[in-house]
Amino acid sequence: MALEQELATYNAKLPEMKEHEGKFVLIHGPDIIDYFGAYEDAIKEGYAKFKLEPFLVKQIQSVEQVHLISRLLAPCHT
Protein backbone atom coordinates (compact mmCIF):
# COMPACT_ATOMS: atom_id res chain seq x y z
CA MET A 1 0.00 0.00 0.00
CA ALA A 2 1.28 3.45 -0.87
CA LEU A 3 2.48 5.50 2.10
CA GLU A 4 1.98 2.59 4.51
CA GLN A 5 5.27 3.29 6.30
CA GLU A 6 4.63 7.04 6.47
CA LEU A 7 1.15 6.52 7.94
CA ALA A 8 2.56 4.06 10.48
CA THR A 9 5.20 6.66 11.43
CA TYR A 10 2.49 9.32 11.84
CA ASN A 11 0.36 7.08 14.07
CA ALA A 12 3.31 5.90 16.16
CA LYS A 13 4.67 9.39 16.75
CA LEU A 14 1.36 11.23 17.15
CA PRO A 15 1.63 11.45 20.97
CA GLU A 16 4.97 13.26 20.75
CA MET A 17 3.71 15.57 17.96
CA LYS A 18 0.76 16.94 19.96
CA GLU A 19 2.64 20.14 20.75
CA HIS A 20 2.52 20.85 16.99
CA GLU A 21 -1.23 20.17 16.65
CA GLY A 22 -2.78 22.05 13.74
CA LYS A 23 0.51 22.25 11.84
CA PHE A 24 1.45 20.06 8.88
CA VAL A 25 4.11 17.39 9.26
CA LEU A 26 6.34 16.15 6.44
CA ILE A 27 7.15 12.45 6.81
CA HIS A 28 9.47 10.34 4.64
CA GLY A 29 9.61 6.67 5.55
CA PRO A 30 10.26 6.40 9.29
CA ASP A 31 11.49 10.01 9.57
CA ILE A 32 9.70 13.19 10.58
CA ILE A 33 11.38 15.80 8.42
CA ASP A 34 9.84 19.05 9.69
CA TYR A 35 6.66 20.90 10.73
CA PHE A 36 5.01 23.64 8.69
CA GLY A 37 2.30 26.22 9.25
CA ALA A 38 0.91 25.83 5.72
CA TYR A 39 0.18 22.74 3.64
CA GLU A 40 1.69 24.37 0.54
CA ASP A 41 5.02 24.93 2.28
CA ALA A 42 5.20 21.30 3.37
CA ILE A 43 4.39 20.00 -0.13
CA LYS A 44 7.02 22.26 -1.73
CA GLU A 45 9.66 21.04 0.71
CA GLY A 46 8.66 17.42 0.13
CA TYR A 47 9.06 17.70 -3.64
CA ALA A 48 12.30 19.67 -3.28
CA LYS A 49 13.85 17.01 -1.03
CA PHE A 50 12.34 13.77 -2.32
CA LYS A 51 11.32 14.49 -5.93
CA LEU A 52 9.07 11.57 -6.94
CA GLU A 53 9.80 9.36 -3.91
CA PRO A 54 6.78 8.83 -1.64
CA PHE A 55 6.32 11.26 1.23
CA LEU A 56 3.39 12.22 3.41
CA VAL A 57 2.12 15.66 4.37
CA LYS A 58 -0.59 15.49 7.01
CA GLN A 59 -2.15 17.95 9.39
CA ILE A 60 -1.51 16.92 12.97
CA GLN A 61 -4.82 16.21 14.72
CA SER A 62 -5.21 14.31 17.97
CA VAL A 63 -8.80 13.56 16.93
CA GLU A 64 -9.33 12.77 13.25
CA GLN A 65 -12.21 14.61 11.59
CA VAL A 66 -14.87 12.33 10.12
CA HIS A 67 -16.45 13.39 6.85
CA LEU A 68 -19.82 11.87 6.01
CA ILE A 69 -20.74 11.49 2.37
CA SER A 70 -24.15 10.14 1.60
CA ARG A 71 -25.16 8.30 -1.55
CA LEU A 72 -28.82 8.77 -0.74
CA LEU A 73 -29.08 11.83 -2.97
CA ALA A 74 -31.31 11.68 -6.01
CA PRO A 75 -29.39 11.54 -9.31
CA CYS A 76 -29.01 14.78 -11.16
CA HIS A 77 -30.74 14.83 -14.58
CA THR A 78 -29.41 17.13 -17.26
PDB file of N, CA and C in Angstrom:
ATOM      1  N   MET A   1       0.840  -1.182   0.000  1.00  0.00           N
ATOM      2  CA  MET A   1       0.000   0.000   0.000  1.00  0.00           C
ATOM      3  C   MET A   1       0.883   1.243   0.000  1.00  0.00           C
ATOM      4  N   ALA A   2       0.516   2.200  -0.799  1.00  0.00           N
ATOM      5  CA  ALA A   2       1.282   3.445  -0.875  1.00  0.00           C
ATOM      6  C   ALA A   2       1.222   4.189   0.463  1.00  0.00           C
ATOM      7  N   LEU A   3       2.328   4.706   0.877  1.00  0.00           N
ATOM      8  CA  LEU A   3       2.482   5.503   2.103  1.00  0.00           C
ATOM      9  C   LEU A   3       2.197   4.727   3.390  1.00  0.00           C
ATOM     10  N   GLU A   4       2.235   3.420   3.325  1.00  0.00           N
ATOM     11  CA  GLU A   4       1.980   2.595   4.508  1.00  0.00           C
ATOM     12  C   GLU A   4       2.967   2.911   5.625  1.00  0.00           C
ATOM     13  N   GLN A   5       4.246   3.010   5.277  1.00  0.00           N
ATOM     14  CA  GLN A   5       5.271   3.286   6.298  1.00  0.00           C
ATOM     15  C   GLN A   5       5.100   4.689   6.870  1.00  0.00           C
ATOM     16  N   GLU A   6       4.806   5.662   6.001  1.00  0.00           N
ATOM     17  CA  GLU A   6       4.634   7.039   6.469  1.00  0.00           C
ATOM     18  C   GLU A   6       3.432   7.159   7.401  1.00  0.00           C
ATOM     19  N   LEU A   7       2.325   6.489   7.063  1.00  0.00           N
ATOM     20  CA  LEU A   7       1.146   6.519   7.936  1.00  0.00           C
ATOM     21  C   LEU A   7       1.420   5.831   9.270  1.00  0.00           C
ATOM     22  N   ALA A   8       2.183   4.748   9.235  1.00  0.00           N
ATOM     23  CA  ALA A   8       2.559   4.062  10.478  1.00  0.00           C
ATOM     24  C   ALA A   8       3.435   4.981  11.335  1.00  0.00           C
ATOM     25  N   THR A   9       4.340   5.712  10.710  1.00  0.00           N
ATOM     26  CA  THR A   9       5.195   6.660  11.435  1.00  0.00           C
ATOM     27  C   THR A   9       4.335   7.743  12.078  1.00  0.00           C
ATOM     28  N   TYR A  10       3.386   8.290  11.314  1.00  0.00           N
ATOM     29  CA  TYR A  10       2.489   9.325  11.845  1.00  0.00           C
ATOM     30  C   TYR A  10       1.746   8.807  13.077  1.00  0.00           C
ATOM     31  N   ASN A  11       1.140   7.639  12.958  1.00  0.00           N
ATOM     32  CA  ASN A  11       0.357   7.084  14.070  1.00  0.00           C
ATOM     33  C   ASN A  11       1.226   6.768  15.282  1.00  0.00           C
ATOM     34  N   ALA A  12       2.417   6.255  15.048  1.00  0.00           N
ATOM     35  CA  ALA A  12       3.308   5.903  16.157  1.00  0.00           C
ATOM     36  C   ALA A  12       3.823   7.137  16.891  1.00  0.00           C
ATOM     37  N   LYS A  13       4.058   8.210  16.150  1.00  0.00           N
ATOM     38  CA  LYS A  13       4.674   9.394  16.755  1.00  0.00           C
ATOM     39  C   LYS A  13       3.670  10.493  17.090  1.00  0.00           C
ATOM     40  N   LEU A  14       2.383  10.226  16.870  1.00  0.00           N
ATOM     41  CA  LEU A  14       1.359  11.235  17.150  1.00  0.00           C
ATOM     42  C   LEU A  14       1.421  11.757  18.584  1.00  0.00           C
ATOM     43  N   PRO A  15       1.586  10.906  19.606  1.00  0.00           N
ATOM     44  CA  PRO A  15       1.634  11.450  20.973  1.00  0.00           C
ATOM     45  C   PRO A  15       2.737  12.494  21.176  1.00  0.00           C
ATOM     46  N   GLU A  16       3.888  12.289  20.561  1.00  0.00           N
ATOM     47  CA  GLU A  16       4.974  13.261  20.749  1.00  0.00           C
ATOM     48  C   GLU A  16       4.846  14.471  19.824  1.00  0.00           C
ATOM     49  N   MET A  17       3.917  14.439  18.871  1.00  0.00           N
ATOM     50  CA  MET A  17       3.713  15.566  17.957  1.00  0.00           C
ATOM     51  C   MET A  17       2.589  16.491  18.407  1.00  0.00           C
ATOM     52  N   LYS A  18       1.927  16.163  19.528  1.00  0.00           N
ATOM     53  CA  LYS A  18       0.758  16.937  19.961  1.00  0.00           C
ATOM     54  C   LYS A  18       1.067  18.416  20.196  1.00  0.00           C
ATOM     55  N   GLU A  19       2.287  18.730  20.545  1.00  0.00           N
ATOM     56  CA  GLU A  19       2.640  20.140  20.755  1.00  0.00           C
ATOM     57  C   GLU A  19       2.596  20.928  19.442  1.00  0.00           C
ATOM     58  N   HIS A  20       2.578  20.218  18.312  1.00  0.00           N
ATOM     59  CA  HIS A  20       2.517  20.845  16.987  1.00  0.00           C
ATOM     60  C   HIS A  20       1.118  20.726  16.366  1.00  0.00           C
ATOM     61  N   GLU A  21       0.117  20.400  17.176  1.00  0.00           N
ATOM     62  CA  GLU A  21      -1.227  20.168  16.653  1.00  0.00           C
ATOM     63  C   GLU A  21      -1.707  21.359  15.817  1.00  0.00           C
ATOM     64  N   GLY A  22      -2.299  21.030  14.669  1.00  0.00           N
ATOM     65  CA  GLY A  22      -2.776  22.048  13.735  1.00  0.00           C
ATOM     66  C   GLY A  22      -1.785  22.346  12.626  1.00  0.00           C
ATOM     67  N   LYS A  23      -0.506  22.056  12.871  1.00  0.00           N
ATOM     68  CA  LYS A  23       0.511  22.254  11.839  1.00  0.00           C
ATOM     69  C   LYS A  23       0.531  21.044  10.909  1.00  0.00           C
ATOM     70  N   PHE A  24       1.307  21.144   9.846  1.00  0.00           N
ATOM     71  CA  PHE A  24       1.453  20.060   8.883  1.00  0.00           C
ATOM     72  C   PHE A  24       2.828  19.435   9.041  1.00  0.00           C
ATOM     73  N   VAL A  25       2.857  18.115   9.094  1.00  0.00           N
ATOM     74  CA  VAL A  25       4.108  17.389   9.258  1.00  0.00           C
ATOM     75  C   VAL A  25       4.496  16.764   7.929  1.00  0.00           C
ATOM     76  N   LEU A  26       5.780  16.803   7.623  1.00  0.00           N
ATOM     77  CA  LEU A  26       6.338  16.150   6.441  1.00  0.00           C
ATOM     78  C   LEU A  26       7.052  14.897   6.916  1.00  0.00           C
ATOM     79  N   ILE A  27       6.597  13.737   6.406  1.00  0.00           N
ATOM     80  CA  ILE A  27       7.154  12.453   6.812  1.00  0.00           C
ATOM     81  C   ILE A  27       7.655  11.717   5.581  1.00  0.00           C
ATOM     82  N   HIS A  28       8.875  11.171   5.701  1.00  0.00           N
ATOM     83  CA  HIS A  28       9.466  10.343   4.637  1.00  0.00           C
ATOM     84  C   HIS A  28       9.942   9.058   5.287  1.00  0.00           C
ATOM     85  N   GLY A  29       9.271   7.950   4.923  1.00  0.00           N
ATOM     86  CA  GLY A  29       9.614   6.675   5.549  1.00  0.00           C
ATOM     87  C   GLY A  29       9.396   6.744   7.046  1.00  0.00           C
ATOM     88  N   PRO A  30      10.398   6.377   7.837  1.00  0.00           N
ATOM     89  CA  PRO A  30      10.258   6.401   9.287  1.00  0.00           C
ATOM     90  C   PRO A  30      10.640   7.751   9.915  1.00  0.00           C
ATOM     91  N   ASP A  31      10.938   8.749   9.070  1.00  0.00           N
ATOM     92  CA  ASP A  31      11.486  10.013   9.572  1.00  0.00           C
ATOM     93  C   ASP A  31      10.498  11.167   9.495  1.00  0.00           C
ATOM     94  N   ILE A  32      10.404  11.915  10.593  1.00  0.00           N
ATOM     95  CA  ILE A  32       9.700  13.186  10.581  1.00  0.00           C
ATOM     96  C   ILE A  32      10.717  14.222  10.124  1.00  0.00           C
ATOM     97  N   ILE A  33      10.425  14.854   9.001  1.00  0.00           N
ATOM     98  CA  ILE A  33      11.383  15.796   8.423  1.00  0.00           C
ATOM     99  C   ILE A  33      11.260  17.170   9.066  1.00  0.00           C
ATOM    100  N   ASP A  34      10.025  17.713   9.120  1.00  0.00           N
ATOM    101  CA  ASP A  34       9.838  19.047   9.687  1.00  0.00           C
ATOM    102  C   ASP A  34       8.339  19.320   9.846  1.00  0.00           C
ATOM    103  N   TYR A  35       8.026  20.443  10.510  1.00  0.00           N
ATOM    104  CA  TYR A  35       6.661  20.898  10.726  1.00  0.00           C
ATOM    105  C   TYR A  35       6.484  22.222  10.007  1.00  0.00           C
ATOM    106  N   PHE A  36       5.280  22.449   9.473  1.00  0.00           N
ATOM    107  CA  PHE A  36       5.011  23.644   8.686  1.00  0.00           C
ATOM    108  C   PHE A  36       3.662  24.237   9.076  1.00  0.00           C
ATOM    109  N   GLY A  37       3.560  25.538   8.965  1.00  0.00           N
ATOM    110  CA  GLY A  37       2.301  26.222   9.248  1.00  0.00           C
ATOM    111  C   GLY A  37       1.307  26.122   8.113  1.00  0.00           C
ATOM    112  N   ALA A  38       1.783  25.887   6.892  1.00  0.00           N
ATOM    113  CA  ALA A  38       0.909  25.829   5.721  1.00  0.00           C
ATOM    114  C   ALA A  38       1.166  24.544   4.935  1.00  0.00           C
ATOM    115  N   TYR A  39       0.092  23.962   4.439  1.00  0.00           N
ATOM    116  CA  TYR A  39       0.176  22.743   3.636  1.00  0.00           C
ATOM    117  C   TYR A  39       1.075  22.946   2.415  1.00  0.00           C
ATOM    118  N   GLU A  40       0.919  24.082   1.749  1.00  0.00           N
ATOM    119  CA  GLU A  40       1.688  24.367   0.537  1.00  0.00           C
ATOM    120  C   GLU A  40       3.194  24.372   0.801  1.00  0.00           C
ATOM    121  N   ASP A  41       3.599  24.901   1.930  1.00  0.00           N
ATOM    122  CA  ASP A  41       5.021  24.929   2.276  1.00  0.00           C
ATOM    123  C   ASP A  41       5.571  23.517   2.491  1.00  0.00           C
ATOM    124  N   ALA A  42       4.772  22.677   3.127  1.00  0.00           N
ATOM    125  CA  ALA A  42       5.202  21.298   3.374  1.00  0.00           C
ATOM    126  C   ALA A  42       5.315  20.514   2.069  1.00  0.00           C
ATOM    127  N   ILE A  43       4.359  20.691   1.171  1.00  0.00           N
ATOM    128  CA  ILE A  43       4.387  20.002  -0.129  1.00  0.00           C
ATOM    129  C   ILE A  43       5.603  20.444  -0.940  1.00  0.00           C
ATOM    130  N   LYS A  44       5.857  21.744  -0.984  1.00  0.00           N
ATOM    131  CA  LYS A  44       7.017  22.261  -1.734  1.00  0.00           C
ATOM    132  C   LYS A  44       8.315  21.660  -1.209  1.00  0.00           C
ATOM    133  N   GLU A  45       8.453  21.604   0.102  1.00  0.00           N
ATOM    134  CA  GLU A  45       9.664  21.037   0.709  1.00  0.00           C
ATOM    135  C   GLU A  45       9.777  19.550   0.394  1.00  0.00           C
ATOM    136  N   GLY A  46       8.654  18.845   0.438  1.00  0.00           N
ATOM    137  CA  GLY A  46       8.660  17.418   0.127  1.00  0.00           C
ATOM    138  C   GLY A  46       9.142  17.149  -1.290  1.00  0.00           C
ATOM    139  N   TYR A  47       8.624  17.898  -2.259  1.00  0.00           N
ATOM    140  CA  TYR A  47       9.064  17.703  -3.641  1.00  0.00           C
ATOM    141  C   TYR A  47      10.513  18.142  -3.852  1.00  0.00           C
ATOM    142  N   ALA A  48      10.920  19.206  -3.160  1.00  0.00           N
ATOM    143  CA  ALA A  48      12.302  19.671  -3.285  1.00  0.00           C
ATOM    144  C   ALA A  48      13.290  18.626  -2.754  1.00  0.00           C
ATOM    145  N   LYS A  49      12.937  17.977  -1.638  1.00  0.00           N
ATOM    146  CA  LYS A  49      13.852  17.009  -1.028  1.00  0.00           C
ATOM    147  C   LYS A  49      13.758  15.619  -1.638  1.00  0.00           C
ATOM    148  N   PHE A  50      12.546  15.180  -1.976  1.00  0.00           N
ATOM    149  CA  PHE A  50      12.339  13.774  -2.315  1.00  0.00           C
ATOM    150  C   PHE A  50      11.893  13.531  -3.756  1.00  0.00           C
ATOM    151  N   LYS A  51      11.724  14.601  -4.516  1.00  0.00           N
ATOM    152  CA  LYS A  51      11.319  14.487  -5.932  1.00  0.00           C
ATOM    153  C   LYS A  51      10.087  13.585  -6.040  1.00  0.00           C
ATOM    154  N   LEU A  52      10.210  12.453  -6.713  1.00  0.00           N
ATOM    155  CA  LEU A  52       9.071  11.566  -6.939  1.00  0.00           C
ATOM    156  C   LEU A  52       9.005  10.389  -5.959  1.00  0.00           C
ATOM    157  N   GLU A  53       9.882  10.386  -4.955  1.00  0.00           N
ATOM    158  CA  GLU A  53       9.802   9.363  -3.908  1.00  0.00           C
ATOM    159  C   GLU A  53       8.570   9.653  -3.046  1.00  0.00           C
ATOM    160  N   PRO A  54       7.954   8.613  -2.491  1.00  0.00           N
ATOM    161  CA  PRO A  54       6.781   8.835  -1.644  1.00  0.00           C
ATOM    162  C   PRO A  54       7.127   9.624  -0.376  1.00  0.00           C
ATOM    163  N   PHE A  55       6.252  10.536  -0.039  1.00  0.00           N
ATOM    164  CA  PHE A  55       6.325  11.265   1.232  1.00  0.00           C
ATOM    165  C   PHE A  55       4.904  11.641   1.620  1.00  0.00           C
ATOM    166  N   LEU A  56       4.714  11.909   2.895  1.00  0.00           N
ATOM    167  CA  LEU A  56       3.387  12.224   3.413  1.00  0.00           C
ATOM    168  C   LEU A  56       3.397  13.614   4.026  1.00  0.00           C
ATOM    169  N   VAL A  57       2.390  14.397   3.686  1.00  0.00           N
ATOM    170  CA  VAL A  57       2.119  15.662   4.367  1.00  0.00           C
ATOM    171  C   VAL A  57       0.743  15.512   4.987  1.00  0.00           C
ATOM    172  N   LYS A  58       0.674  15.683   6.302  1.00  0.00           N
ATOM    173  CA  LYS A  58      -0.593  15.488   7.007  1.00  0.00           C
ATOM    174  C   LYS A  58      -0.713  16.501   8.125  1.00  0.00           C
ATOM    175  N   GLN A  59      -1.918  17.039   8.273  1.00  0.00           N
ATOM    176  CA  GLN A  59      -2.149  17.949   9.389  1.00  0.00           C
ATOM    177  C   GLN A  59      -2.229  17.139  10.680  1.00  0.00           C
ATOM    178  N   ILE A  60      -1.558  17.630  11.697  1.00  0.00           N
ATOM    179  CA  ILE A  60      -1.515  16.924  12.975  1.00  0.00           C
ATOM    180  C   ILE A  60      -2.812  17.196  13.726  1.00  0.00           C
ATOM    181  N   GLN A  61      -3.544  16.117  14.008  1.00  0.00           N
ATOM    182  CA  GLN A  61      -4.817  16.215  14.723  1.00  0.00           C
ATOM    183  C   GLN A  61      -4.898  15.058  15.707  1.00  0.00           C
ATOM    184  N   SER A  62      -5.096  15.380  16.977  1.00  0.00           N
ATOM    185  CA  SER A  62      -5.206  14.308  17.968  1.00  0.00           C
ATOM    186  C   SER A  62      -6.515  13.546  17.794  1.00  0.00           C
ATOM    187  N   VAL A  63      -7.526  14.205  17.246  1.00  0.00           N
ATOM    188  CA  VAL A  63      -8.802  13.559  16.934  1.00  0.00           C
ATOM    189  C   VAL A  63      -9.055  13.779  15.452  1.00  0.00           C
ATOM    190  N   GLU A  64      -9.104  12.679  14.692  1.00  0.00           N
ATOM    191  CA  GLU A  64      -9.330  12.770  13.250  1.00  0.00           C
ATOM    192  C   GLU A  64     -10.753  13.235  12.968  1.00  0.00           C
ATOM    193  N   GLN A  65     -10.899  14.148  12.028  1.00  0.00           N
ATOM    194  CA  GLN A  65     -12.211  14.607  11.591  1.00  0.00           C
ATOM    195  C   GLN A  65     -12.857  13.530  10.724  1.00  0.00           C
ATOM    196  N   VAL A  66     -14.130  13.289  10.925  1.00  0.00           N
ATOM    197  CA  VAL A  66     -14.866  12.326  10.119  1.00  0.00           C
ATOM    198  C   VAL A  66     -15.740  13.099   9.153  1.00  0.00           C
ATOM    199  N   HIS A  67     -15.639  12.746   7.879  1.00  0.00           N
ATOM    200  CA  HIS A  67     -16.448  13.392   6.851  1.00  0.00           C
ATOM    201  C   HIS A  67     -17.477  12.389   6.364  1.00  0.00           C
ATOM    202  N   LEU A  68     -18.748  12.758   6.428  1.00  0.00           N
ATOM    203  CA  LEU A  68     -19.817  11.873   6.012  1.00  0.00           C
ATOM    204  C   LEU A  68     -20.254  12.255   4.609  1.00  0.00           C
ATOM    205  N   ILE A  69     -20.265  11.278   3.736  1.00  0.00           N
ATOM    206  CA  ILE A  69     -20.745  11.488   2.374  1.00  0.00           C
ATOM    207  C   ILE A  69     -21.870  10.497   2.158  1.00  0.00           C
ATOM    208  N   SER A  70     -22.994  11.000   1.776  1.00  0.00           N
ATOM    209  CA  SER A  70     -24.153  10.139   1.604  1.00  0.00           C
ATOM    210  C   SER A  70     -24.420   9.888   0.127  1.00  0.00           C
ATOM    211  N   ARG A  71     -24.778   8.658  -0.183  1.00  0.00           N
ATOM    212  CA  ARG A  71     -25.161   8.296  -1.548  1.00  0.00           C
ATOM    213  C   ARG A  71     -26.675   8.274  -1.678  1.00  0.00           C
ATOM    214  N   LEU A  72     -27.361   8.816  -0.721  1.00  0.00           N
ATOM    215  CA  LEU A  72     -28.815   8.775  -0.736  1.00  0.00           C
ATOM    216  C   LEU A  72     -29.419   9.950  -1.497  1.00  0.00           C
ATOM    217  N   LEU A  73     -28.600  10.687  -2.200  1.00  0.00           N
ATOM    218  CA  LEU A  73     -29.082  11.830  -2.971  1.00  0.00           C
ATOM    219  C   LEU A  73     -29.681  11.338  -4.282  1.00  0.00           C
ATOM    220  N   ALA A  74     -30.693  12.021  -4.724  1.00  0.00           N
ATOM    221  CA  ALA A  74     -31.307  11.677  -6.006  1.00  0.00           C
ATOM    222  C   ALA A  74     -30.349  12.040  -7.139  1.00  0.00           C
ATOM    223  N   PRO A  75     -30.289  11.231  -8.196  1.00  0.00           N
ATOM    224  CA  PRO A  75     -29.393  11.545  -9.308  1.00  0.00           C
ATOM    225  C   PRO A  75     -29.782  12.852  -9.986  1.00  0.00           C
ATOM    226  N   CYS A  76     -28.806  13.508 -10.479  1.00  0.00           N
ATOM    227  CA  CYS A  76     -29.007  14.781 -11.162  1.00  0.00           C
ATOM    228  C   CYS A  76     -29.294  14.514 -12.639  1.00  0.00           C
ATOM    229  N   HIS A  77     -30.382  15.027 -13.165  1.00  0.00           N
ATOM    230  CA  HIS A  77     -30.740  14.831 -14.584  1.00  0.00           C
ATOM    231  C   HIS A  77     -30.452  16.102 -15.353  1.00  0.00           C
ATOM    232  N   THR A  78     -29.723  15.961 -16.439  1.00  0.00           N
ATOM    233  CA  THR A  78     -29.411  17.133 -17.259  1.00  0.00           C
ATOM    234  C   THR A  78     -30.118  17.078 -18.571  1.00  0.00           C
TER     235      THR A  78
END
